[in-house]
Amino acid sequence: MKTIKLLSLLLITAFAVSCSSVRVASDYDEAVDFNQYKTYAFFKEGIDKAEISDLDKKRILRAIDAEMQKKGFTKSKNPDMLISIFTHANEKVDVNNWGYNYGWGYNPWMWGMNRTTVTTSTEGTLYIDLIDARKKELIWQGTGTGVLTLNREKKQQRINEFVSKIITEFPPVKKK
């Protein structure tokens, strides 16, 4: 019985940890010298196309603003870079079946215990695009994927986590 409780605790812990993490990736144009960029502005036309609420757009833009300023970039009306966002969400269903039986072979009516749990969550991806303002070309893209929350109080915290982890990848460090 202690083994079952321990396994249950480990499964719940693993699920909670996997839900809280944000998986991040980035890509960029290797021909670009990122040292030339000092200022930014938001690309309204791109942001308007993001299919999320205006409240969530504001939350994301505030988080991007804070992270870019931490990195020494300045918001400007005549920017070097434009920042756009795109979002995508998927409903994720997890089915876990675990248990044990006593006796010879498998028989669901024998002694033992079988448990099946079904959980659903919404997994979202946030894309942050940085565009050369003069050339109107994509120079860097960062993506973050993780489980979303509907809890209003935790939403800004989760958005901050997504944005912070994505922006950590910018500017890219070129390998020699």
N, C-alpha and C. Protein backbone atom coordinates (compact mmCIF):
# COMPACT_ATOMS: atom_id res chain seq x y z
N MET A 1 0.82 -1.19 0.00
CA MET A 1 0.00 0.00 0.00
C MET A 1 0.87 1.26 0.00
N LYS A 2 2.01 1.21 0.72
CA LYS A 2 2.91 2.35 0.74
C LYS A 2 3.48 2.60 -0.65
N THR A 3 3.71 1.52 -1.40
CA THR A 3 4.24 1.65 -2.75
C THR A 3 3.25 2.38 -3.65
N ILE A 4 1.98 2.08 -3.50
CA ILE A 4 0.96 2.73 -4.32
C ILE A 4 0.88 4.21 -3.98
N LYS A 5 0.92 4.54 -2.71
CA LYS A 5 0.88 5.95 -2.31
C LYS A 5 2.11 6.69 -2.84
N LEU A 6 3.27 6.05 -2.79
CA LEU A 6 4.49 6.67 -3.29
C LEU A 6 4.41 6.88 -4.80
N LEU A 7 3.92 5.86 -5.52
CA LEU A 7 3.76 5.99 -6.97
C LEU A 7 2.77 7.10 -7.31
N SER A 8 1.69 7.19 -6.59
CA SER A 8 0.70 8.23 -6.83
C SER A 8 1.31 9.61 -6.61
N LEU A 9 2.06 9.75 -5.54
CA LEU A 9 2.70 11.02 -5.25
C LEU A 9 3.71 11.39 -6.33
N LEU A 10 4.48 10.41 -6.80
CA LEU A 10 5.45 10.67 -7.86
C LEU A 10 4.76 11.08 -9.16
N LEU A 11 3.65 10.42 -9.51
CA LEU A 11 2.92 10.77 -10.73
C LEU A 11 2.35 12.18 -10.64
N ILE A 12 1.77 12.51 -9.51
CA ILE A 12 1.20 13.85 -9.33
C ILE A 12 2.30 14.90 -9.38
N THR A 13 3.43 14.63 -8.75
CA THR A 13 4.56 15.57 -8.77
C THR A 13 5.09 15.75 -10.18
N ALA A 14 5.26 14.64 -10.90
CA ALA A 14 5.75 14.72 -12.28
C ALA A 14 4.78 15.51 -13.15
N PHE A 15 3.49 15.30 -12.96
CA PHE A 15 2.49 16.03 -13.75
C PHE A 15 2.54 17.52 -13.42
N ALA A 16 2.64 17.85 -12.13
CA ALA A 16 2.69 19.26 -11.73
C ALA A 16 3.94 19.95 -12.27
N VAL A 17 5.07 19.27 -12.23
CA VAL A 17 6.31 19.85 -12.74
C VAL A 17 6.21 20.04 -14.25
N SER A 18 5.66 19.05 -14.96
CA SER A 18 5.56 19.16 -16.41
C SER A 18 4.60 20.27 -16.81
N CYS A 19 3.59 20.52 -16.01
CA CYS A 19 2.63 21.59 -16.31
C CYS A 19 3.26 22.96 -16.13
N SER A 20 4.16 23.10 -15.18
CA SER A 20 4.69 24.41 -14.88
C SER A 20 5.82 24.82 -15.81
N SER A 21 6.40 23.88 -16.52
CA SER A 21 7.55 24.24 -17.35
C SER A 21 7.11 24.83 -18.69
N VAL A 22 7.97 25.68 -19.21
CA VAL A 22 7.76 26.27 -20.53
C VAL A 22 8.92 25.78 -21.40
N ARG A 23 8.59 25.13 -22.50
CA ARG A 23 9.61 24.67 -23.44
C ARG A 23 9.87 25.79 -24.43
N VAL A 24 11.13 26.15 -24.61
CA VAL A 24 11.49 27.31 -25.41
C VAL A 24 12.43 26.91 -26.55
N ALA A 25 12.26 27.58 -27.67
CA ALA A 25 13.17 27.42 -28.81
C ALA A 25 13.26 28.77 -29.52
N SER A 26 14.35 28.96 -30.26
CA SER A 26 14.47 30.18 -31.04
C SER A 26 15.20 29.90 -32.34
N ASP A 27 15.00 30.79 -33.28
CA ASP A 27 15.66 30.71 -34.58
C ASP A 27 15.97 32.13 -35.02
N TYR A 28 17.02 32.28 -35.83
CA TYR A 28 17.40 33.63 -36.25
C TYR A 28 18.16 33.59 -37.56
N ASP A 29 18.27 34.76 -38.17
CA ASP A 29 19.03 34.93 -39.40
C ASP A 29 20.50 35.08 -39.02
N GLU A 30 21.33 34.13 -39.41
CA GLU A 30 22.74 34.13 -39.03
C GLU A 30 23.53 35.26 -39.68
N ALA A 31 23.00 35.84 -40.73
CA ALA A 31 23.71 36.93 -41.42
C ALA A 31 23.53 38.28 -40.74
N VAL A 32 22.66 38.34 -39.75
CA VAL A 32 22.33 39.62 -39.10
C VAL A 32 23.27 39.89 -37.93
N ASP A 33 23.74 41.13 -37.84
CA ASP A 33 24.52 41.60 -36.70
C ASP A 33 23.54 42.21 -35.70
N PHE A 34 23.28 41.51 -34.62
CA PHE A 34 22.27 41.95 -33.65
C PHE A 34 22.74 43.12 -32.80
N ASN A 35 24.02 43.45 -32.85
CA ASN A 35 24.54 44.59 -32.08
C ASN A 35 24.02 45.92 -32.63
N GLN A 36 23.52 45.93 -33.85
CA GLN A 36 23.04 47.18 -34.45
C GLN A 36 21.66 47.59 -33.92
N TYR A 37 20.98 46.71 -33.24
CA TYR A 37 19.62 46.98 -32.77
C TYR A 37 19.65 47.49 -31.33
N LYS A 38 19.05 48.67 -31.14
CA LYS A 38 19.01 49.28 -29.80
C LYS A 38 17.58 49.67 -29.39
N THR A 39 16.70 49.86 -30.39
CA THR A 39 15.34 50.34 -30.10
C THR A 39 14.30 49.40 -30.70
N TYR A 40 13.09 49.47 -30.18
CA TYR A 40 12.01 48.62 -30.66
C TYR A 40 10.67 49.34 -30.54
N ALA A 41 9.71 48.80 -31.24
CA ALA A 41 8.30 49.21 -31.13
C ALA A 41 7.47 47.98 -31.45
N PHE A 42 6.22 48.02 -31.05
CA PHE A 42 5.33 46.89 -31.34
C PHE A 42 4.72 47.06 -32.73
N PHE A 43 4.63 45.95 -33.45
CA PHE A 43 4.09 45.92 -34.81
C PHE A 43 2.58 45.69 -34.71
N LYS A 44 1.82 46.77 -34.70
CA LYS A 44 0.38 46.72 -34.44
C LYS A 44 -0.37 45.79 -35.39
N GLU A 45 -0.04 45.83 -36.68
CA GLU A 45 -0.76 45.00 -37.66
C GLU A 45 -0.60 43.51 -37.33
N GLY A 46 0.59 43.11 -36.90
CA GLY A 46 0.82 41.71 -36.54
C GLY A 46 0.13 41.33 -35.24
N ILE A 47 0.21 42.22 -34.27
CA ILE A 47 -0.38 41.94 -32.96
C ILE A 47 -1.90 41.87 -33.05
N ASP A 48 -2.49 42.71 -33.89
CA ASP A 48 -3.95 42.70 -34.07
C ASP A 48 -4.45 41.35 -34.60
N LYS A 49 -3.60 40.62 -35.32
CA LYS A 49 -4.01 39.32 -35.88
C LYS A 49 -3.98 38.19 -34.86
N ALA A 50 -3.31 38.38 -33.73
CA ALA A 50 -3.24 37.34 -32.70
C ALA A 50 -4.65 37.07 -32.18
N GLU A 51 -5.03 35.80 -32.17
CA GLU A 51 -6.40 35.42 -31.80
C GLU A 51 -6.53 35.13 -30.31
N ILE A 52 -6.30 36.17 -29.52
CA ILE A 52 -6.49 36.10 -28.08
C ILE A 52 -7.18 37.38 -27.64
N SER A 53 -7.61 37.40 -26.41
CA SER A 53 -8.33 38.58 -25.92
C SER A 53 -7.40 39.80 -25.87
N ASP A 54 -7.99 40.96 -25.96
CA ASP A 54 -7.21 42.20 -25.86
C ASP A 54 -6.53 42.31 -24.49
N LEU A 55 -7.16 41.77 -23.46
CA LEU A 55 -6.55 41.78 -22.13
C LEU A 55 -5.27 40.96 -22.11
N ASP A 56 -5.32 39.77 -22.72
CA ASP A 56 -4.13 38.93 -22.77
C ASP A 56 -3.05 39.56 -23.65
N LYS A 57 -3.45 40.23 -24.73
CA LYS A 57 -2.47 40.93 -25.56
C LYS A 57 -1.74 41.99 -24.74
N LYS A 58 -2.50 42.74 -23.94
CA LYS A 58 -1.88 43.77 -23.10
C LYS A 58 -0.92 43.14 -22.09
N ARG A 59 -1.30 42.01 -21.52
CA ARG A 59 -0.44 41.32 -20.56
C ARG A 59 0.87 40.90 -21.23
N ILE A 60 0.76 40.34 -22.42
CA ILE A 60 1.95 39.87 -23.14
C ILE A 60 2.84 41.05 -23.52
N LEU A 61 2.25 42.13 -24.02
CA LEU A 61 3.04 43.29 -24.43
C LEU A 61 3.74 43.95 -23.24
N ARG A 62 3.05 44.00 -22.10
CA ARG A 62 3.69 44.55 -20.89
C ARG A 62 4.89 43.69 -20.48
N ALA A 63 4.72 42.37 -20.57
CA ALA A 63 5.80 41.46 -20.20
C ALA A 63 6.98 41.60 -21.17
N ILE A 64 6.70 41.70 -22.46
CA ILE A 64 7.77 41.88 -23.45
C ILE A 64 8.49 43.20 -23.21
N ASP A 65 7.72 44.25 -22.98
CA ASP A 65 8.28 45.57 -22.69
C ASP A 65 9.26 45.50 -21.52
N ALA A 66 8.86 44.88 -20.44
CA ALA A 66 9.70 44.77 -19.25
C ALA A 66 10.97 43.99 -19.54
N GLU A 67 10.86 42.88 -20.26
CA GLU A 67 12.03 42.04 -20.55
C GLU A 67 13.00 42.74 -21.50
N MET A 68 12.47 43.43 -22.50
CA MET A 68 13.35 44.14 -23.45
C MET A 68 14.09 45.27 -22.74
N GLN A 69 13.40 45.98 -21.84
CA GLN A 69 14.06 47.06 -21.10
C GLN A 69 15.14 46.51 -20.17
N LYS A 70 14.90 45.34 -19.58
CA LYS A 70 15.92 44.71 -18.73
C LYS A 70 17.18 44.41 -19.53
N LYS A 71 17.01 44.12 -20.81
CA LYS A 71 18.14 43.81 -21.68
C LYS A 71 18.79 45.06 -22.27
N GLY A 72 18.27 46.24 -21.91
CA GLY A 72 18.89 47.48 -22.35
C GLY A 72 18.31 48.06 -23.64
N PHE A 73 17.22 47.50 -24.14
CA PHE A 73 16.59 48.04 -25.34
C PHE A 73 15.61 49.14 -24.94
N THR A 74 15.40 50.10 -25.85
CA THR A 74 14.54 51.24 -25.57
C THR A 74 13.38 51.26 -26.55
N LYS A 75 12.20 51.53 -26.02
CA LYS A 75 11.02 51.67 -26.87
C LYS A 75 11.11 53.01 -27.60
N SER A 76 10.78 53.01 -28.91
CA SER A 76 10.98 54.22 -29.71
C SER A 76 9.89 54.37 -30.77
N LYS A 77 9.65 55.63 -31.19
CA LYS A 77 8.72 55.88 -32.30
C LYS A 77 9.42 55.69 -33.64
N ASN A 78 10.75 55.63 -33.62
CA ASN A 78 11.54 55.38 -34.82
C ASN A 78 12.47 54.19 -34.51
N PRO A 79 11.91 52.97 -34.43
CA PRO A 79 12.66 51.82 -33.92
C PRO A 79 13.57 51.14 -34.95
N ASP A 80 14.54 50.41 -34.42
CA ASP A 80 15.38 49.53 -35.23
C ASP A 80 14.66 48.21 -35.51
N MET A 81 13.86 47.76 -34.51
CA MET A 81 13.15 46.48 -34.59
C MET A 81 11.67 46.68 -34.32
N LEU A 82 10.88 45.83 -34.96
CA LEU A 82 9.45 45.75 -34.66
C LEU A 82 9.20 44.40 -33.99
N ILE A 83 8.31 44.39 -33.01
CA ILE A 83 7.99 43.15 -32.30
C ILE A 83 6.54 42.79 -32.58
N SER A 84 6.36 41.54 -33.01
CA SER A 84 5.03 41.03 -33.27
C SER A 84 4.84 39.74 -32.47
N ILE A 85 3.59 39.36 -32.23
CA ILE A 85 3.31 38.12 -31.53
C ILE A 85 2.28 37.31 -32.31
N PHE A 86 2.29 36.03 -32.06
CA PHE A 86 1.30 35.10 -32.61
C PHE A 86 1.09 34.04 -31.54
N THR A 87 -0.13 33.55 -31.42
CA THR A 87 -0.41 32.52 -30.43
C THR A 87 -1.14 31.35 -31.06
N HIS A 88 -1.01 30.20 -30.41
CA HIS A 88 -1.71 29.00 -30.85
C HIS A 88 -2.01 28.17 -29.61
N ALA A 89 -3.19 27.57 -29.54
CA ALA A 89 -3.56 26.75 -28.38
C ALA A 89 -4.13 25.41 -28.84
N ASN A 90 -3.83 24.37 -28.07
CA ASN A 90 -4.36 23.02 -28.30
C ASN A 90 -4.92 22.48 -27.00
N GLU A 91 -6.02 21.76 -27.10
CA GLU A 91 -6.57 21.06 -25.94
C GLU A 91 -5.81 19.75 -25.82
N LYS A 92 -5.26 19.47 -24.66
CA LYS A 92 -4.46 18.28 -24.43
C LYS A 92 -5.22 17.35 -23.48
N VAL A 93 -5.32 16.07 -23.85
CA VAL A 93 -6.00 15.09 -23.01
C VAL A 93 -4.97 14.03 -22.62
N ASP A 94 -4.82 13.81 -21.32
CA ASP A 94 -3.91 12.79 -20.80
C ASP A 94 -4.74 11.69 -20.13
N VAL A 95 -4.51 10.44 -20.55
CA VAL A 95 -5.17 9.28 -19.95
C VAL A 95 -4.10 8.44 -19.30
N ASN A 96 -4.22 8.24 -18.01
CA ASN A 96 -3.26 7.42 -17.27
C ASN A 96 -3.99 6.22 -16.69
N ASN A 97 -3.49 5.04 -16.97
CA ASN A 97 -4.06 3.80 -16.46
C ASN A 97 -2.96 3.10 -15.68
N TRP A 98 -3.19 2.87 -14.41
CA TRP A 98 -2.20 2.20 -13.59
C TRP A 98 -2.91 1.34 -12.56
N GLY A 99 -2.20 0.42 -12.03
CA GLY A 99 -2.78 -0.43 -10.99
C GLY A 99 -2.02 -1.73 -10.87
N TYR A 100 -2.59 -2.67 -10.14
CA TYR A 100 -1.98 -3.98 -9.94
C TYR A 100 -3.09 -4.99 -9.72
N ASN A 101 -2.78 -6.25 -9.94
CA ASN A 101 -3.71 -7.36 -9.71
C ASN A 101 -2.95 -8.51 -9.06
N TYR A 102 -3.69 -9.33 -8.34
CA TYR A 102 -3.12 -10.53 -7.77
C TYR A 102 -3.66 -11.72 -8.54
N GLY A 103 -2.96 -12.80 -8.51
CA GLY A 103 -3.46 -14.02 -9.15
C GLY A 103 -2.71 -14.31 -10.43
N TRP A 104 -3.20 -15.34 -11.15
CA TRP A 104 -2.54 -15.76 -12.38
C TRP A 104 -3.12 -15.00 -13.55
N GLY A 105 -2.24 -14.37 -14.33
CA GLY A 105 -2.70 -13.67 -15.51
C GLY A 105 -3.49 -12.42 -15.15
N TYR A 106 -4.02 -11.80 -16.15
CA TYR A 106 -4.78 -10.57 -15.95
C TYR A 106 -6.27 -10.89 -15.92
N ASN A 107 -6.93 -10.45 -14.91
CA ASN A 107 -8.36 -10.60 -14.82
C ASN A 107 -8.88 -9.39 -14.04
N PRO A 108 -9.63 -8.51 -14.68
CA PRO A 108 -10.06 -7.30 -13.99
C PRO A 108 -10.99 -7.55 -12.81
N TRP A 109 -11.55 -8.76 -12.69
CA TRP A 109 -12.46 -9.04 -11.58
C TRP A 109 -11.75 -9.73 -10.42
N MET A 110 -10.45 -9.95 -10.59
CA MET A 110 -9.66 -10.54 -9.51
C MET A 110 -9.34 -9.44 -8.50
N TRP A 111 -8.66 -9.84 -7.45
CA TRP A 111 -8.27 -8.86 -6.44
C TRP A 111 -7.32 -7.86 -7.05
N GLY A 112 -7.28 -6.72 -6.51
CA GLY A 112 -6.32 -5.72 -6.97
C GLY A 112 -7.01 -4.38 -7.18
N MET A 113 -6.28 -3.53 -7.83
CA MET A 113 -6.81 -2.19 -8.00
C MET A 113 -6.33 -1.65 -9.35
N ASN A 114 -7.23 -1.12 -10.13
CA ASN A 114 -6.89 -0.44 -11.37
C ASN A 114 -7.46 0.96 -11.29
N ARG A 115 -6.69 1.92 -11.75
CA ARG A 115 -7.14 3.31 -11.75
C ARG A 115 -6.90 3.90 -13.14
N THR A 116 -7.88 4.58 -13.62
CA THR A 116 -7.72 5.33 -14.85
C THR A 116 -8.10 6.77 -14.55
N THR A 117 -7.19 7.67 -14.88
CA THR A 117 -7.49 9.09 -14.69
C THR A 117 -7.39 9.78 -16.04
N VAL A 118 -8.30 10.69 -16.25
CA VAL A 118 -8.30 11.48 -17.48
C VAL A 118 -8.24 12.95 -17.07
N THR A 119 -7.24 13.65 -17.60
CA THR A 119 -7.10 15.07 -17.31
C THR A 119 -7.01 15.83 -18.63
N THR A 120 -7.55 17.03 -18.62
CA THR A 120 -7.44 17.88 -19.81
C THR A 120 -6.78 19.19 -19.41
N SER A 121 -6.07 19.74 -20.35
CA SER A 121 -5.44 21.04 -20.12
C SER A 121 -5.29 21.71 -21.48
N THR A 122 -5.08 23.00 -21.44
CA THR A 122 -4.86 23.75 -22.67
C THR A 122 -3.38 24.07 -22.75
N GLU A 123 -2.75 23.61 -23.84
CA GLU A 123 -1.34 23.90 -24.05
C GLU A 123 -1.25 25.00 -25.10
N GLY A 124 -0.54 26.05 -24.76
CA GLY A 124 -0.43 27.19 -25.66
C GLY A 124 1.00 27.41 -26.12
N THR A 125 1.11 28.03 -27.28
CA THR A 125 2.41 28.42 -27.81
C THR A 125 2.37 29.92 -28.10
N LEU A 126 3.37 30.61 -27.61
CA LEU A 126 3.54 32.04 -27.87
C LEU A 126 4.75 32.21 -28.78
N TYR A 127 4.54 32.87 -29.90
CA TYR A 127 5.62 33.20 -30.83
C TYR A 127 5.91 34.69 -30.68
N ILE A 128 7.17 35.03 -30.51
CA ILE A 128 7.58 36.43 -30.49
C ILE A 128 8.51 36.62 -31.68
N ASP A 129 8.09 37.49 -32.61
CA ASP A 129 8.87 37.76 -33.81
C ASP A 129 9.53 39.12 -33.71
N LEU A 130 10.81 39.19 -34.04
CA LEU A 130 11.52 40.46 -34.13
C LEU A 130 11.83 40.70 -35.59
N ILE A 131 11.44 41.87 -36.06
CA ILE A 131 11.51 42.21 -37.47
C ILE A 131 12.40 43.43 -37.63
N ASP A 132 13.30 43.39 -38.62
CA ASP A 132 14.12 44.56 -38.93
C ASP A 132 13.17 45.63 -39.44
N ALA A 133 13.11 46.78 -38.77
CA ALA A 133 12.13 47.82 -39.11
C ALA A 133 12.40 48.45 -40.47
N ARG A 134 13.65 48.55 -40.87
CA ARG A 134 13.99 49.18 -42.14
C ARG A 134 13.73 48.23 -43.31
N LYS A 135 14.18 46.98 -43.19
CA LYS A 135 14.05 46.01 -44.28
C LYS A 135 12.70 45.28 -44.28
N LYS A 136 11.99 45.33 -43.15
CA LYS A 136 10.73 44.60 -42.97
C LYS A 136 10.94 43.09 -43.14
N GLU A 137 12.04 42.57 -42.57
CA GLU A 137 12.37 41.15 -42.64
C GLU A 137 12.47 40.57 -41.24
N LEU A 138 11.99 39.34 -41.09
CA LEU A 138 12.09 38.63 -39.82
C LEU A 138 13.56 38.34 -39.54
N ILE A 139 14.03 38.73 -38.36
CA ILE A 139 15.43 38.48 -38.01
C ILE A 139 15.58 37.47 -36.87
N TRP A 140 14.54 37.33 -36.04
CA TRP A 140 14.60 36.42 -34.89
C TRP A 140 13.18 35.99 -34.52
N GLN A 141 13.05 34.73 -34.14
CA GLN A 141 11.75 34.24 -33.65
C GLN A 141 11.99 33.35 -32.45
N GLY A 142 11.26 33.63 -31.39
CA GLY A 142 11.31 32.81 -30.19
C GLY A 142 9.94 32.21 -29.94
N THR A 143 9.91 30.95 -29.49
CA THR A 143 8.64 30.30 -29.18
C THR A 143 8.71 29.70 -27.78
N GLY A 144 7.60 29.75 -27.11
CA GLY A 144 7.47 29.13 -25.81
C GLY A 144 6.17 28.34 -25.77
N THR A 145 6.25 27.09 -25.32
CA THR A 145 5.08 26.22 -25.27
C THR A 145 4.92 25.68 -23.85
N GLY A 146 3.70 25.73 -23.34
CA GLY A 146 3.43 25.21 -22.00
C GLY A 146 1.94 25.24 -21.71
N VAL A 147 1.59 24.73 -20.56
CA VAL A 147 0.20 24.67 -20.14
C VAL A 147 -0.26 26.06 -19.70
N LEU A 148 -1.45 26.44 -20.15
CA LEU A 148 -2.02 27.74 -19.83
C LEU A 148 -2.91 27.66 -18.61
N THR A 149 -3.18 28.79 -18.01
CA THR A 149 -4.10 28.84 -16.88
C THR A 149 -5.25 29.78 -17.21
N LEU A 150 -6.42 29.47 -16.69
CA LEU A 150 -7.57 30.35 -16.86
C LEU A 150 -7.78 31.22 -15.63
N ASN A 151 -7.03 30.93 -14.58
CA ASN A 151 -7.12 31.68 -13.34
C ASN A 151 -6.58 33.09 -13.57
N ARG A 152 -7.43 34.09 -13.45
CA ARG A 152 -7.05 35.48 -13.74
C ARG A 152 -5.87 35.94 -12.91
N GLU A 153 -5.83 35.57 -11.64
CA GLU A 153 -4.75 36.01 -10.76
C GLU A 153 -3.40 35.43 -11.18
N LYS A 154 -3.41 34.21 -11.72
CA LYS A 154 -2.16 33.54 -12.09
C LYS A 154 -1.78 33.78 -13.55
N LYS A 155 -2.69 34.36 -14.31
CA LYS A 155 -2.46 34.53 -15.75
C LYS A 155 -1.26 35.43 -16.04
N GLN A 156 -1.15 36.58 -15.40
CA GLN A 156 -0.02 37.48 -15.66
C GLN A 156 1.29 36.82 -15.27
N GLN A 157 1.28 36.10 -14.16
CA GLN A 157 2.49 35.40 -13.72
C GLN A 157 2.92 34.36 -14.76
N ARG A 158 1.96 33.63 -15.32
CA ARG A 158 2.28 32.61 -16.32
C ARG A 158 2.77 33.25 -17.62
N ILE A 159 2.14 34.34 -18.02
CA ILE A 159 2.58 35.07 -19.22
C ILE A 159 3.99 35.60 -19.01
N ASN A 160 4.27 36.16 -17.85
CA ASN A 160 5.61 36.65 -17.55
C ASN A 160 6.65 35.54 -17.67
N GLU A 161 6.28 34.34 -17.19
CA GLU A 161 7.18 33.20 -17.27
C GLU A 161 7.47 32.83 -18.73
N PHE A 162 6.41 32.78 -19.54
CA PHE A 162 6.58 32.48 -20.97
C PHE A 162 7.52 33.50 -21.62
N VAL A 163 7.20 34.78 -21.46
CA VAL A 163 7.95 35.84 -22.12
C VAL A 163 9.39 35.88 -21.64
N SER A 164 9.60 35.78 -20.34
CA SER A 164 10.94 35.82 -19.78
C SER A 164 11.81 34.72 -20.35
N LYS A 165 11.28 33.51 -20.40
CA LYS A 165 12.06 32.38 -20.92
C LYS A 165 12.33 32.52 -22.42
N ILE A 166 11.38 33.06 -23.15
CA ILE A 166 11.59 33.25 -24.59
C ILE A 166 12.65 34.32 -24.83
N ILE A 167 12.50 35.47 -24.19
CA ILE A 167 13.41 36.60 -24.40
C ILE A 167 14.82 36.30 -23.89
N THR A 168 14.96 35.34 -23.00
CA THR A 168 16.29 34.93 -22.54
C THR A 168 17.15 34.49 -23.73
N GLU A 169 16.51 33.98 -24.77
CA GLU A 169 17.22 33.50 -25.97
C GLU A 169 17.68 34.64 -26.88
N PHE A 170 17.27 35.88 -26.59
CA PHE A 170 17.61 37.02 -27.44
C PHE A 170 18.54 37.97 -26.71
N PRO A 171 19.52 38.57 -27.37
CA PRO A 171 19.97 38.27 -28.73
C PRO A 171 20.71 36.95 -28.76
N PRO A 172 20.72 36.31 -29.91
CA PRO A 172 21.35 34.98 -30.00
C PRO A 172 22.87 35.08 -29.84
N VAL A 173 23.42 34.03 -29.28
CA VAL A 173 24.87 33.93 -29.13
C VAL A 173 25.36 33.06 -30.28
N LYS A 174 26.10 33.67 -31.17
CA LYS A 174 26.61 32.92 -32.33
C LYS A 174 27.80 32.08 -31.91
N LYS A 175 27.76 30.81 -32.32
CA LYS A 175 28.87 29.89 -32.02
C LYS A 175 29.95 30.06 -33.09
N LYS A 176 31.18 30.09 -32.62
CA LYS A 176 32.29 30.28 -33.56
C LYS A 176 32.91 28.98 -33.96
